[in-house]
Amino acid sequence: MYRVAICDDNQADIDYLRGFLEKWARDSQTALRIESFPSAEAFLFQYEQDKSFDLLLLDIEMGKMSGVELAERIRKEDRLVQIIFITGYMDYIAQGYDVEALHYLLKPVTQDKLRSVLDRAAERLEGREKELCLAASGEVVRVPLREIRYLEVWKNYVTVYGQDACTVKKPLSELERELDGRFFRTGRSQIVNLHFVRKITRTQVILKDGRQLPLSRRLYEDMNRAMIHYF
């Protein structure tokens, strides 16, 4: 599922775009969660609470803060979200290069034009680096899978050890479904990234940084096979 935001100060334009998005979602069999905002400031308020948006459709001419100014704020923290500008004027197109906009759509937006841009956005989203989105301490943290050394559960909490440690209240099994083939579950309480494994014994997994993690004896052979397959 992709999370999409429409940010426009004209409700009729929001409804118009939402209709196109819903039709594209049905035709392409893509799940969308569509949210709308009447101003850049309203979107920023939500974005500060939860940054897990995949695609933004931004009107340029809005109130105090323009769509371009909003995009500049977002790009300081997020280089992966896809941005599509909606505008009635050609004057702003040059500014889009600075915020790596996917496309400009001139009003009135046609279904064919929007469909083509949404297809491109979906391709980019499919090809982007896989991440875990973790809700912790009132914010959403995106952690690339390649940075995660291991995950460890304690009671109802899981700590994800990447460049920094991030603890969330979530079942380990739920996070496990978001991982890929480079990860191996070493027992009930830990999952390790095979890329960071230096050595395996019958009772331990030793990481490249020297950390030692317990390994269930019954999983020793399975982990050896996983290592061979991975490398």
Protein backbone atom coordinates (compact mmCIF):
# COMPACT_ATOMS: atom_id res chain seq x y z
CA MET A 1 0.00 0.00 0.00
CA TYR A 2 1.20 3.50 -0.89
CA ARG A 3 0.32 6.49 1.26
CA VAL A 4 -0.63 9.51 -0.86
CA ALA A 5 -1.23 13.12 0.18
CA ILE A 6 -3.10 15.71 -1.88
CA CYS A 7 -2.33 19.23 -0.70
CA ASP A 8 -4.54 21.89 -2.29
CA ASP A 9 -6.54 24.85 -1.02
CA ASN A 10 -9.37 24.12 -3.47
CA GLN A 11 -11.68 21.31 -2.33
CA ALA A 12 -13.04 20.81 -5.85
CA ASP A 13 -9.50 20.16 -7.13
CA ILE A 14 -8.87 17.73 -4.26
CA ASP A 15 -12.03 15.77 -5.10
CA TYR A 16 -11.10 15.80 -8.80
CA LEU A 17 -7.61 14.39 -8.14
CA ARG A 18 -8.89 11.88 -5.61
CA GLY A 19 -11.27 10.47 -8.23
CA PHE A 20 -8.41 10.01 -10.69
CA LEU A 21 -6.21 8.40 -8.05
CA GLU A 22 -8.91 5.95 -7.04
CA LYS A 23 -9.52 4.96 -10.67
CA TRP A 24 -5.79 4.47 -11.29
CA ALA A 25 -5.57 2.35 -8.14
CA ARG A 26 -8.40 0.11 -9.36
CA ASP A 27 -6.99 -0.21 -12.88
CA SER A 28 -3.44 -0.95 -11.69
CA GLN A 29 -4.56 -3.09 -8.73
CA THR A 30 -2.57 -0.88 -6.39
CA ALA A 31 -3.66 -0.16 -2.82
CA LEU A 32 -3.64 3.55 -1.97
CA ARG A 33 -4.29 5.36 1.28
CA ILE A 34 -5.27 8.86 0.18
CA GLU A 35 -5.27 11.82 2.57
CA SER A 36 -6.04 15.45 1.73
CA PHE A 37 -4.92 18.75 3.25
CA PRO A 38 -6.23 22.29 2.57
CA SER A 39 -2.86 24.01 3.07
CA ALA A 40 0.87 23.43 3.26
CA GLU A 41 0.75 24.21 6.97
CA ALA A 42 -1.94 21.56 7.58
CA PHE A 43 0.15 18.95 5.83
CA LEU A 44 3.29 19.91 7.74
CA PHE A 45 1.45 19.52 11.04
CA GLN A 46 0.56 15.93 10.11
CA TYR A 47 3.99 15.27 8.57
CA GLU A 48 5.73 16.17 11.83
CA GLN A 49 3.71 13.43 13.53
CA ASP A 50 4.10 10.79 10.83
CA LYS A 51 6.50 11.00 7.90
CA SER A 52 5.56 7.73 6.19
CA PHE A 53 4.20 9.28 2.98
CA ASP A 54 5.15 7.79 -0.40
CA LEU A 55 3.66 10.25 -2.87
CA LEU A 56 2.72 13.94 -2.62
CA LEU A 57 0.52 15.86 -5.05
CA LEU A 58 1.15 19.52 -4.21
CA ASP A 59 -0.65 22.57 -5.49
CA ILE A 60 1.89 25.36 -5.90
CA GLU A 61 -0.25 28.43 -5.30
CA MET A 62 -1.51 28.14 -1.72
CA GLY A 63 -1.89 30.66 1.14
CA LYS A 64 1.20 31.70 3.06
CA MET A 65 3.34 28.70 2.14
CA SER A 66 3.57 27.56 -1.48
CA GLY A 67 3.88 23.98 -2.65
CA VAL A 68 7.50 24.62 -3.62
CA GLU A 69 8.33 25.93 -0.13
CA LEU A 70 6.63 22.89 1.36
CA ALA A 71 8.66 20.57 -0.87
CA GLU A 72 11.89 22.30 0.20
CA ARG A 73 11.01 21.65 3.85
CA ILE A 74 10.23 17.99 3.16
CA ARG A 75 13.41 17.39 1.15
CA LYS A 76 15.54 18.37 4.16
CA GLU A 77 14.43 15.11 5.78
CA ASP A 78 13.13 12.84 3.01
CA ARG A 79 14.81 12.23 -0.35
CA LEU A 80 12.66 9.23 -1.28
CA VAL A 81 9.09 10.52 -1.27
CA GLN A 82 7.82 11.21 -4.81
CA ILE A 83 6.57 14.77 -5.42
CA ILE A 84 4.20 15.84 -8.19
CA PHE A 85 3.39 19.54 -8.53
CA ILE A 86 -0.01 20.73 -9.72
CA THR A 87 -0.09 24.27 -11.10
CA GLY A 88 -1.92 26.55 -13.44
CA TYR A 89 1.27 28.34 -14.53
CA MET A 90 4.52 27.44 -16.27
CA ASP A 91 6.54 29.97 -14.23
CA TYR A 92 7.44 27.61 -11.39
CA ILE A 93 8.82 24.69 -13.38
CA ALA A 94 12.50 25.62 -12.95
CA GLN A 95 12.13 25.51 -9.16
CA GLY A 96 11.13 21.85 -9.31
CA TYR A 97 14.64 20.74 -10.16
CA ASP A 98 15.89 21.86 -6.75
CA VAL A 99 13.46 19.59 -4.91
CA GLU A 100 13.74 16.68 -7.36
CA ALA A 101 10.10 16.77 -8.36
CA LEU A 102 8.94 13.82 -10.42
CA HIS A 103 6.73 15.95 -12.65
CA TYR A 104 4.67 19.13 -13.11
CA LEU A 105 1.06 18.77 -14.16
CA LEU A 106 -0.67 21.82 -15.57
CA LYS A 107 -4.29 22.45 -14.65
CA PRO A 108 -6.72 21.21 -15.76
CA VAL A 109 -5.14 17.80 -15.13
CA THR A 110 -6.23 15.10 -17.55
CA GLN A 111 -6.67 11.46 -16.64
CA ASP A 112 -4.16 10.27 -19.24
CA LYS A 113 -1.47 12.69 -18.06
CA LEU A 114 -1.93 11.79 -14.42
CA ARG A 115 -2.00 8.06 -15.18
CA SER A 116 1.34 8.29 -16.97
CA VAL A 117 2.95 10.16 -14.06
CA LEU A 118 1.49 7.78 -11.47
CA ASP A 119 2.91 4.83 -13.42
CA ARG A 120 6.36 6.44 -13.23
CA ALA A 121 5.94 7.16 -9.53
CA ALA A 122 4.99 3.53 -8.87
CA GLU A 123 8.09 2.32 -10.74
CA ARG A 124 10.31 4.53 -8.62
CA LEU A 125 8.62 3.48 -5.40
CA GLU A 126 9.05 -0.19 -6.31
CA GLY A 127 12.73 0.33 -7.03
CA ARG A 128 13.62 2.36 -3.96
CA GLU A 129 15.67 0.96 -1.14
CA LYS A 130 13.70 -1.17 1.29
CA GLU A 131 13.19 0.32 4.73
CA LEU A 132 11.47 -0.29 8.02
CA CYS A 133 9.14 2.52 9.10
CA LEU A 134 9.25 2.58 12.89
CA ALA A 135 6.92 4.67 15.04
CA ALA A 136 8.97 5.60 18.10
CA SER A 137 8.95 8.53 20.54
CA GLY A 138 6.20 10.35 18.67
CA GLU A 139 7.84 10.23 15.25
CA VAL A 140 8.34 7.84 12.35
CA VAL A 141 11.92 6.71 11.73
CA ARG A 142 12.86 5.16 8.38
CA VAL A 143 15.66 2.60 8.76
CA PRO A 144 17.18 1.11 5.57
CA LEU A 145 17.34 -2.69 5.80
CA ARG A 146 21.01 -2.65 4.77
CA GLU A 147 21.86 -0.74 7.98
CA ILE A 148 20.12 -3.13 10.38
CA ARG A 149 22.52 -5.50 12.18
CA TYR A 150 19.92 -7.30 14.23
CA LEU A 151 16.55 -7.01 15.96
CA GLU A 152 15.96 -8.08 19.53
CA VAL A 153 12.74 -8.47 21.51
CA TRP A 154 12.28 -7.81 25.23
CA LYS A 155 8.78 -8.35 26.60
CA ASN A 156 6.47 -6.27 24.37
CA TYR A 157 9.23 -4.20 22.78
CA VAL A 158 11.61 -4.73 19.88
CA THR A 159 14.90 -2.86 19.51
CA VAL A 160 16.21 -2.44 15.97
CA TYR A 161 19.99 -2.02 15.93
CA GLY A 162 21.14 -0.01 12.93
CA GLN A 163 23.38 3.04 12.96
CA ASP A 164 21.36 3.93 16.04
CA ALA A 165 19.10 1.81 18.24
CA CYS A 166 15.36 2.32 17.87
CA THR A 167 12.84 0.65 20.21
CA VAL A 168 9.20 0.13 19.26
CA LYS A 169 6.23 -1.56 20.87
CA LYS A 170 5.48 -4.12 18.18
CA PRO A 171 5.62 -7.94 17.84
CA LEU A 172 8.87 -9.26 16.37
CA SER A 173 6.86 -11.48 14.02
CA GLU A 174 5.18 -8.40 12.52
CA LEU A 175 8.51 -6.71 11.80
CA GLU A 176 9.87 -9.99 10.43
CA ARG A 177 7.27 -9.89 7.63
CA GLU A 178 8.76 -6.59 6.44
CA LEU A 179 12.30 -7.96 6.14
CA ASP A 180 13.86 -9.79 3.18
CA GLY A 181 16.09 -12.80 2.49
CA ARG A 182 19.20 -11.30 4.07
CA PHE A 183 17.67 -11.77 7.55
CA PHE A 184 17.58 -14.97 9.63
CA ARG A 185 15.72 -15.63 12.85
CA THR A 186 18.19 -17.14 15.33
CA GLY A 187 15.62 -17.98 18.01
CA ARG A 188 12.49 -16.65 19.67
CA SER A 189 13.91 -13.23 20.49
CA GLN A 190 16.37 -12.21 17.75
CA ILE A 191 16.69 -11.77 13.99
CA VAL A 192 20.11 -11.11 12.46
CA ASN A 193 21.24 -9.56 9.18
CA LEU A 194 23.48 -12.17 7.52
CA HIS A 195 25.60 -9.44 5.97
CA PHE A 196 26.95 -8.55 9.43
CA VAL A 197 27.72 -12.13 10.52
CA ARG A 198 31.42 -13.04 10.90
CA LYS A 199 31.17 -16.50 12.44
CA ILE A 200 28.63 -19.12 13.50
CA THR A 201 29.05 -21.68 16.28
CA ARG A 202 26.48 -24.19 17.48
CA THR A 203 25.33 -21.81 20.19
CA GLN A 204 26.30 -18.33 19.00
CA VAL A 205 26.28 -15.90 16.11
CA ILE A 206 29.29 -13.59 16.18
CA LEU A 207 28.90 -10.33 14.32
CA LYS A 208 31.66 -8.39 12.56
CA ASP A 209 31.67 -5.83 15.37
CA GLY A 210 32.33 -8.60 17.91
CA ARG A 211 28.85 -8.75 19.40
CA GLN A 212 27.73 -12.28 20.31
CA LEU A 213 24.12 -13.35 19.90
CA PRO A 214 22.62 -16.64 21.07
CA LEU A 215 21.72 -19.26 18.42
CA SER A 216 19.23 -22.04 18.97
CA ARG A 217 21.02 -25.38 18.47
CA ARG A 218 18.20 -26.69 16.29
CA LEU A 219 18.75 -23.77 13.88
CA TYR A 220 22.51 -24.23 13.45
CA GLU A 221 22.28 -26.21 10.20
CA ASP A 222 19.53 -23.98 8.81
CA MET A 223 21.59 -20.87 9.46
CA ASN A 224 24.64 -22.37 7.78
CA ARG A 225 22.55 -23.08 4.70
CA ALA A 226 21.14 -19.55 4.82
CA MET A 227 24.68 -18.12 4.96
CA ILE A 228 25.82 -20.22 2.00
CA HIS A 229 22.77 -19.20 -0.02
CA TYR A 230 23.20 -15.53 0.90
CA PHE A 231 26.85 -15.30 -0.09
